N, C-alpha and C. Protein backbone atom coordinates (compact mmCIF):
# COMPACT_ATOMS: atom_id res chain seq x y z
N MET A 1 154.69 -70.59 21.46
CA MET A 1 155.57 -71.73 21.24
C MET A 1 156.52 -71.46 20.09
N LYS A 2 156.08 -70.76 19.06
CA LYS A 2 156.88 -70.59 17.86
C LYS A 2 158.26 -70.04 18.17
N SER A 3 158.37 -69.09 19.06
CA SER A 3 159.68 -68.50 19.33
C SER A 3 160.48 -69.33 20.33
N ASP A 4 159.86 -70.26 21.01
CA ASP A 4 160.55 -71.05 22.03
C ASP A 4 161.21 -72.31 21.49
N LEU A 5 160.62 -72.93 20.48
CA LEU A 5 161.08 -74.22 19.99
C LEU A 5 161.64 -74.09 18.59
N VAL A 6 162.81 -74.71 18.36
CA VAL A 6 163.46 -74.70 17.05
C VAL A 6 163.93 -76.12 16.74
N PHE A 7 163.65 -76.56 15.54
CA PHE A 7 164.11 -77.87 15.07
C PHE A 7 165.31 -77.66 14.16
N LEU A 8 166.46 -78.27 14.51
CA LEU A 8 167.67 -78.16 13.71
C LEU A 8 167.91 -79.43 12.91
N THR A 9 168.28 -79.25 11.65
CA THR A 9 168.60 -80.38 10.78
C THR A 9 169.62 -79.94 9.75
N ARG A 10 170.00 -80.87 8.90
CA ARG A 10 170.86 -80.55 7.75
C ARG A 10 170.49 -81.50 6.64
N ASP A 11 170.82 -81.12 5.42
CA ASP A 11 170.53 -81.97 4.26
C ASP A 11 171.15 -83.35 4.47
N GLY A 12 170.37 -84.37 4.18
CA GLY A 12 170.88 -85.74 4.25
C GLY A 12 170.81 -86.38 5.62
N CYS A 13 170.27 -85.70 6.61
CA CYS A 13 170.17 -86.29 7.95
C CYS A 13 169.10 -87.39 7.92
N VAL A 14 169.53 -88.62 8.13
CA VAL A 14 168.62 -89.76 8.01
C VAL A 14 167.60 -89.85 9.14
N ASN A 15 167.84 -89.18 10.25
CA ASN A 15 166.94 -89.27 11.39
C ASN A 15 165.93 -88.13 11.47
N THR A 16 166.02 -87.19 10.54
CA THR A 16 165.15 -86.02 10.60
C THR A 16 163.67 -86.39 10.54
N SER A 17 163.27 -87.23 9.61
CA SER A 17 161.83 -87.53 9.48
C SER A 17 161.29 -88.22 10.72
N ASP A 18 162.04 -89.14 11.32
CA ASP A 18 161.57 -89.80 12.54
C ASP A 18 161.44 -88.80 13.69
N MET A 19 162.44 -87.93 13.83
CA MET A 19 162.40 -86.95 14.92
C MET A 19 161.25 -85.96 14.72
N LEU A 20 161.03 -85.52 13.47
CA LEU A 20 159.91 -84.62 13.20
C LEU A 20 158.57 -85.28 13.52
N ASN A 21 158.41 -86.53 13.14
CA ASN A 21 157.17 -87.26 13.44
C ASN A 21 156.95 -87.37 14.94
N ASN A 22 158.01 -87.71 15.68
CA ASN A 22 157.90 -87.84 17.13
C ASN A 22 157.63 -86.49 17.80
N LEU A 23 158.31 -85.45 17.33
CA LEU A 23 158.10 -84.11 17.88
C LEU A 23 156.66 -83.66 17.65
N ASP A 24 156.18 -83.82 16.43
CA ASP A 24 154.80 -83.42 16.13
C ASP A 24 153.79 -84.20 16.96
N ALA A 25 154.01 -85.49 17.13
CA ALA A 25 153.10 -86.30 17.94
C ALA A 25 153.11 -85.83 19.39
N ALA A 26 154.28 -85.50 19.92
CA ALA A 26 154.38 -85.02 21.30
C ALA A 26 153.66 -83.68 21.46
N LEU A 27 153.86 -82.78 20.50
CA LEU A 27 153.21 -81.47 20.58
C LEU A 27 151.69 -81.62 20.49
N ARG A 28 151.23 -82.49 19.58
CA ARG A 28 149.78 -82.72 19.45
C ARG A 28 149.19 -83.26 20.76
N SER A 29 149.92 -84.21 21.38
CA SER A 29 149.41 -84.81 22.62
C SER A 29 149.31 -83.79 23.75
N LEU A 30 150.12 -82.73 23.66
CA LEU A 30 150.07 -81.65 24.65
C LEU A 30 149.11 -80.54 24.25
N GLY A 31 148.51 -80.68 23.07
CA GLY A 31 147.59 -79.67 22.59
C GLY A 31 148.28 -78.40 22.12
N LEU A 32 149.54 -78.53 21.71
CA LEU A 32 150.31 -77.38 21.25
C LEU A 32 150.35 -77.31 19.73
N ALA A 33 150.51 -76.11 19.22
CA ALA A 33 150.57 -75.90 17.77
C ALA A 33 151.89 -76.40 17.20
N LEU A 34 151.83 -76.81 15.95
CA LEU A 34 153.03 -77.27 15.24
C LEU A 34 153.61 -76.11 14.44
N ASP A 35 153.89 -75.03 15.10
CA ASP A 35 154.31 -73.81 14.41
C ASP A 35 155.77 -73.43 14.66
N TYR A 36 156.61 -74.41 14.87
CA TYR A 36 158.02 -74.15 15.14
C TYR A 36 158.80 -74.03 13.83
N PRO A 37 159.90 -73.27 13.86
CA PRO A 37 160.74 -73.19 12.66
C PRO A 37 161.67 -74.39 12.55
N THR A 38 161.93 -74.79 11.32
CA THR A 38 162.94 -75.80 11.02
C THR A 38 164.11 -75.08 10.39
N VAL A 39 165.30 -75.25 10.99
CA VAL A 39 166.48 -74.54 10.53
C VAL A 39 167.48 -75.54 9.95
N ASN A 40 167.86 -75.31 8.70
CA ASN A 40 168.91 -76.10 8.08
C ASN A 40 170.23 -75.47 8.50
N LEU A 41 171.07 -76.24 9.17
CA LEU A 41 172.32 -75.70 9.70
C LEU A 41 173.22 -75.13 8.61
N ALA A 42 173.08 -75.60 7.39
CA ALA A 42 173.89 -75.07 6.28
C ALA A 42 173.54 -73.63 5.96
N SER A 43 172.37 -73.17 6.41
CA SER A 43 171.96 -71.80 6.14
C SER A 43 172.47 -70.80 7.18
N LEU A 44 173.11 -71.30 8.22
CA LEU A 44 173.59 -70.44 9.30
C LEU A 44 175.06 -70.07 9.10
N PRO A 45 175.46 -68.91 9.62
CA PRO A 45 176.88 -68.56 9.54
C PRO A 45 177.71 -69.51 10.41
N ALA A 46 178.95 -69.71 10.03
CA ALA A 46 179.83 -70.64 10.74
C ALA A 46 180.03 -70.25 12.20
N THR A 47 179.77 -69.00 12.55
CA THR A 47 179.96 -68.53 13.93
C THR A 47 178.74 -68.78 14.82
N ASP A 48 177.62 -69.21 14.24
CA ASP A 48 176.41 -69.47 15.01
C ASP A 48 176.62 -70.75 15.82
N PRO A 49 176.47 -70.71 17.14
CA PRO A 49 176.70 -71.89 17.97
C PRO A 49 175.84 -73.09 17.60
N ARG A 50 174.68 -72.84 16.97
CA ARG A 50 173.80 -73.96 16.62
C ARG A 50 174.43 -74.89 15.58
N VAL A 51 175.40 -74.41 14.79
CA VAL A 51 176.02 -75.29 13.80
C VAL A 51 176.83 -76.40 14.45
N GLY A 52 177.13 -76.27 15.72
CA GLY A 52 177.88 -77.30 16.43
C GLY A 52 177.04 -78.44 16.97
N TYR A 53 175.72 -78.31 16.91
CA TYR A 53 174.86 -79.39 17.38
C TYR A 53 174.78 -80.50 16.33
N PRO A 54 174.64 -81.75 16.79
CA PRO A 54 174.37 -82.83 15.84
C PRO A 54 172.94 -82.69 15.34
N THR A 55 172.63 -83.35 14.27
CA THR A 55 171.25 -83.29 13.78
C THR A 55 170.63 -84.67 13.78
N PRO A 56 169.33 -84.70 14.00
CA PRO A 56 168.47 -83.58 14.32
C PRO A 56 168.58 -83.21 15.79
N THR A 57 168.28 -81.96 16.09
CA THR A 57 168.29 -81.46 17.47
C THR A 57 167.06 -80.57 17.65
N VAL A 58 166.46 -80.66 18.82
CA VAL A 58 165.35 -79.79 19.17
C VAL A 58 165.83 -78.88 20.30
N LEU A 59 165.71 -77.57 20.06
CA LEU A 59 166.06 -76.60 21.08
C LEU A 59 164.79 -75.95 21.61
N VAL A 60 164.72 -75.81 22.91
CA VAL A 60 163.64 -75.06 23.56
C VAL A 60 164.30 -73.96 24.36
N ARG A 61 163.96 -72.73 23.98
CA ARG A 61 164.58 -71.55 24.59
C ARG A 61 166.10 -71.65 24.52
N ASN A 62 166.59 -72.08 23.35
CA ASN A 62 168.02 -72.19 23.05
C ASN A 62 168.75 -73.26 23.86
N HIS A 63 168.00 -74.23 24.42
CA HIS A 63 168.61 -75.34 25.16
C HIS A 63 168.17 -76.65 24.53
N ASP A 64 169.13 -77.56 24.35
CA ASP A 64 168.84 -78.89 23.82
C ASP A 64 167.90 -79.63 24.77
N ILE A 65 166.86 -80.25 24.23
CA ILE A 65 165.87 -80.92 25.09
C ILE A 65 166.45 -82.13 25.83
N PHE A 66 167.59 -82.65 25.37
CA PHE A 66 168.21 -83.79 26.04
C PHE A 66 169.38 -83.38 26.94
N GLY A 67 169.59 -82.05 27.10
CA GLY A 67 170.59 -81.57 28.04
C GLY A 67 171.98 -81.37 27.48
N MET A 68 172.16 -81.53 26.17
CA MET A 68 173.48 -81.29 25.59
C MET A 68 173.84 -79.82 25.77
N PRO A 69 175.06 -79.53 26.26
CA PRO A 69 175.44 -78.13 26.43
C PRO A 69 175.61 -77.44 25.07
N GLU A 70 175.47 -76.12 25.07
CA GLU A 70 175.67 -75.36 23.83
C GLU A 70 177.09 -75.58 23.33
N PRO A 71 177.25 -75.92 22.07
CA PRO A 71 178.59 -76.15 21.52
C PRO A 71 179.44 -74.87 21.56
N THR A 72 180.73 -75.07 21.72
CA THR A 72 181.67 -73.95 21.69
C THR A 72 182.68 -74.19 20.58
N PRO A 73 183.19 -73.11 20.00
CA PRO A 73 184.16 -73.27 18.89
C PRO A 73 185.42 -73.96 19.39
N PRO A 74 186.12 -74.64 18.52
CA PRO A 74 185.80 -74.89 17.12
C PRO A 74 184.71 -75.95 17.01
N PHE A 75 183.79 -75.73 16.09
CA PHE A 75 182.67 -76.64 15.91
C PHE A 75 183.10 -77.82 15.05
N PRO A 76 182.58 -79.03 15.37
CA PRO A 76 182.94 -80.21 14.59
C PRO A 76 182.34 -80.13 13.17
N GLU A 77 183.00 -80.78 12.24
CA GLU A 77 182.48 -80.88 10.89
C GLU A 77 181.31 -81.84 10.89
N PRO A 78 180.27 -81.57 10.09
CA PRO A 78 179.16 -82.52 10.02
C PRO A 78 179.61 -83.86 9.46
N SER A 79 178.99 -84.91 9.97
CA SER A 79 179.35 -86.25 9.46
C SER A 79 178.20 -86.88 8.73
C-alpha cells in the first residue's frame, strides 16, 4: 500500500486533519496499514504535476480517488 497511496497537502490547509482522519478510518476498516506518505506540495518542484492538485488530495497509483484528472501546466496558484 505504501507505494500506491499518497496524501497531498500544503501548510495551512484547513481540511487536512478531517481528510486524514477519514482516510485513516477507511484504511483501518479495510484492514490496511496506515503507512502512506504525506507530501507537502511546497516541497515539490514547480514542474511536478501534483502541485496542481487542490489540497487535501489522495492519490492511488497517481490517480485522484475522486476522478480529478492529472493537472496540466500552467498550474493554478494555491488559494
